[in-house]
Amino acid sequence: MNSSAMLGFLLLVVFSVNFLGDPPINYFHFNPRFGTTQKIIFNTISKDNWENEEIHENPLKPGDSFKLDVMFDEDKYKVNLNDEKFGEFKARIHPLSGVKAIEVTDQASVRILEVVYF
């Protein structure tokens, strides 16, 4: 199964996007961080334990509007920001068909949410 989630955001200060399965599984955690370190974290949490973070440079600024595309198959997540390739995250929990919800936390406003299965 291949899937895609497109989210349009108005970014305020702090937020994360989580692809969730039955609790307490977070298949994919996308977390931009601002302040002294500009980074975006990719990670997974299972049974209340965070795994090793993958750290990427954060091109976003507080207040930016942007488009986030997350496409996934059984092996990896492909992340695009504003229609440009941003990074990939190897799936650590399988099967990805277990993703049941998309959660947006903290200070972000979702303008568009589109989920496509192909």
Protein backbone atom coordinates (compact mmCIF):
# COMPACT_ATOMS: atom_id res chain seq x y z
CA MET A 1 0.00 0.00 0.00
CA ASN A 2 1.27 3.46 -0.86
CA SER A 3 -0.18 6.54 0.76
CA SER A 4 0.29 10.25 0.72
CA ALA A 5 -0.74 13.00 3.12
CA MET A 6 -0.62 16.62 2.03
CA LEU A 7 -0.97 19.27 4.68
CA GLY A 8 -1.02 23.04 4.19
CA PHE A 9 0.07 24.95 7.27
CA LEU A 10 0.38 28.37 8.74
CA LEU A 11 3.26 27.84 11.11
CA LEU A 12 3.23 29.74 14.36
CA VAL A 13 6.01 28.66 16.74
CA VAL A 14 6.08 25.00 17.76
CA PHE A 15 4.32 21.98 16.34
CA SER A 16 4.61 18.36 15.29
CA VAL A 17 2.85 16.04 12.88
CA ASN A 18 2.41 12.44 14.01
CA PHE A 19 1.31 9.41 12.04
CA LEU A 20 -0.36 7.28 14.71
CA GLY A 21 -1.40 3.68 15.09
CA ASP A 22 -3.03 1.97 18.00
CA PRO A 23 -1.64 3.57 21.17
CA PRO A 24 1.09 3.98 22.05
CA ILE A 25 2.57 3.77 18.53
CA ASN A 26 3.78 6.84 16.64
CA TYR A 27 4.95 5.51 13.28
CA PHE A 28 6.43 8.82 12.15
CA HIS A 29 7.05 12.03 14.11
CA PHE A 30 7.83 15.23 12.15
CA ASN A 31 8.90 18.00 14.55
CA PRO A 32 10.29 21.39 13.46
CA ARG A 33 12.20 23.17 16.24
CA PHE A 34 13.03 26.85 16.42
CA GLY A 35 15.15 29.07 18.61
CA THR A 36 18.86 28.58 19.14
CA THR A 37 18.86 25.44 16.99
CA GLN A 38 16.93 25.38 13.75
CA LYS A 39 16.25 21.71 13.12
CA ILE A 40 13.54 19.29 12.06
CA ILE A 41 13.37 15.97 13.85
CA PHE A 42 12.18 12.68 12.33
CA ASN A 43 11.52 9.92 14.86
CA THR A 44 9.36 7.01 16.00
CA ILE A 45 7.88 6.12 19.38
CA SER A 46 6.70 2.68 20.38
CA LYS A 47 5.61 1.50 23.82
CA ASP A 48 6.43 4.93 25.29
CA ASN A 49 10.06 4.80 24.11
CA TRP A 50 11.53 7.29 21.65
CA GLU A 51 14.03 5.87 19.20
CA ASN A 52 17.08 7.72 17.82
CA GLU A 53 16.29 11.09 16.28
CA GLU A 54 17.18 11.88 12.71
CA ILE A 55 18.07 15.57 12.56
CA HIS A 56 17.65 17.80 9.50
CA GLU A 57 18.31 21.50 8.98
CA ASN A 58 15.12 23.53 9.37
CA PRO A 59 14.40 25.90 6.45
CA LEU A 60 11.13 27.12 8.04
CA LYS A 61 10.67 30.33 10.00
CA PRO A 62 7.98 31.08 12.62
CA GLY A 63 4.95 32.55 10.85
CA ASP A 64 5.71 30.85 7.51
CA SER A 65 2.96 29.23 5.50
CA PHE A 66 4.15 26.04 3.86
CA LYS A 67 3.08 22.78 2.26
CA LEU A 68 4.12 19.47 3.79
CA ASP A 69 3.81 16.28 1.72
CA VAL A 70 4.49 12.93 3.38
CA MET A 71 4.40 9.93 1.07
CA PHE A 72 4.96 6.43 2.36
CA ASP A 73 5.11 2.81 1.37
CA GLU A 74 6.16 -0.20 3.45
CA ASP A 75 9.81 0.87 3.60
CA LYS A 76 10.05 4.62 4.07
CA TYR A 77 8.49 8.04 4.39
CA LYS A 78 9.39 10.66 1.79
CA VAL A 79 8.99 14.22 2.98
CA ASN A 80 8.60 17.25 0.70
CA LEU A 81 8.39 20.86 1.83
CA ASN A 82 6.81 23.33 -0.61
CA ASP A 83 6.97 20.75 -3.43
CA GLU A 84 10.72 20.18 -2.98
CA LYS A 85 12.35 17.01 -1.70
CA PHE A 86 13.30 17.47 1.95
CA GLY A 87 14.23 14.05 3.33
CA GLU A 88 13.45 10.39 3.82
CA PHE A 89 12.85 8.37 6.97
CA LYS A 90 13.23 4.60 6.95
CA ALA A 91 10.17 2.93 8.45
CA ARG A 92 10.97 1.39 11.83
CA ILE A 93 7.53 -0.04 12.63
CA HIS A 94 5.65 -2.32 10.21
CA PRO A 95 3.22 -2.64 8.60
CA LEU A 96 2.64 1.01 7.73
CA SER A 97 -0.96 0.09 6.99
CA GLY A 98 -1.30 0.33 10.79
CA VAL A 99 -1.31 4.14 10.55
CA LYS A 100 -4.83 5.13 11.60
CA ALA A 101 -4.62 8.87 12.29
CA ILE A 102 -2.68 12.04 11.58
CA GLU A 103 -2.22 14.30 14.60
CA VAL A 104 -1.08 17.92 14.48
CA THR A 105 0.00 19.23 17.86
CA ASP A 106 0.71 22.60 19.43
CA GLN A 107 0.85 25.86 17.52
CA ALA A 108 0.04 25.18 13.89
CA SER A 109 -3.03 25.90 11.83
CA VAL A 110 -3.92 23.32 9.18
CA ARG A 111 -5.41 24.89 6.08
CA ILE A 112 -5.66 21.78 3.88
CA LEU A 113 -5.47 18.06 4.64
CA GLU A 114 -5.57 15.51 1.87
CA VAL A 115 -4.91 11.79 2.27
CA VAL A 116 -4.45 9.70 -0.87
CA TYR A 117 -4.07 5.91 -1.10
CA PHE A 118 -2.55 4.49 -4.26
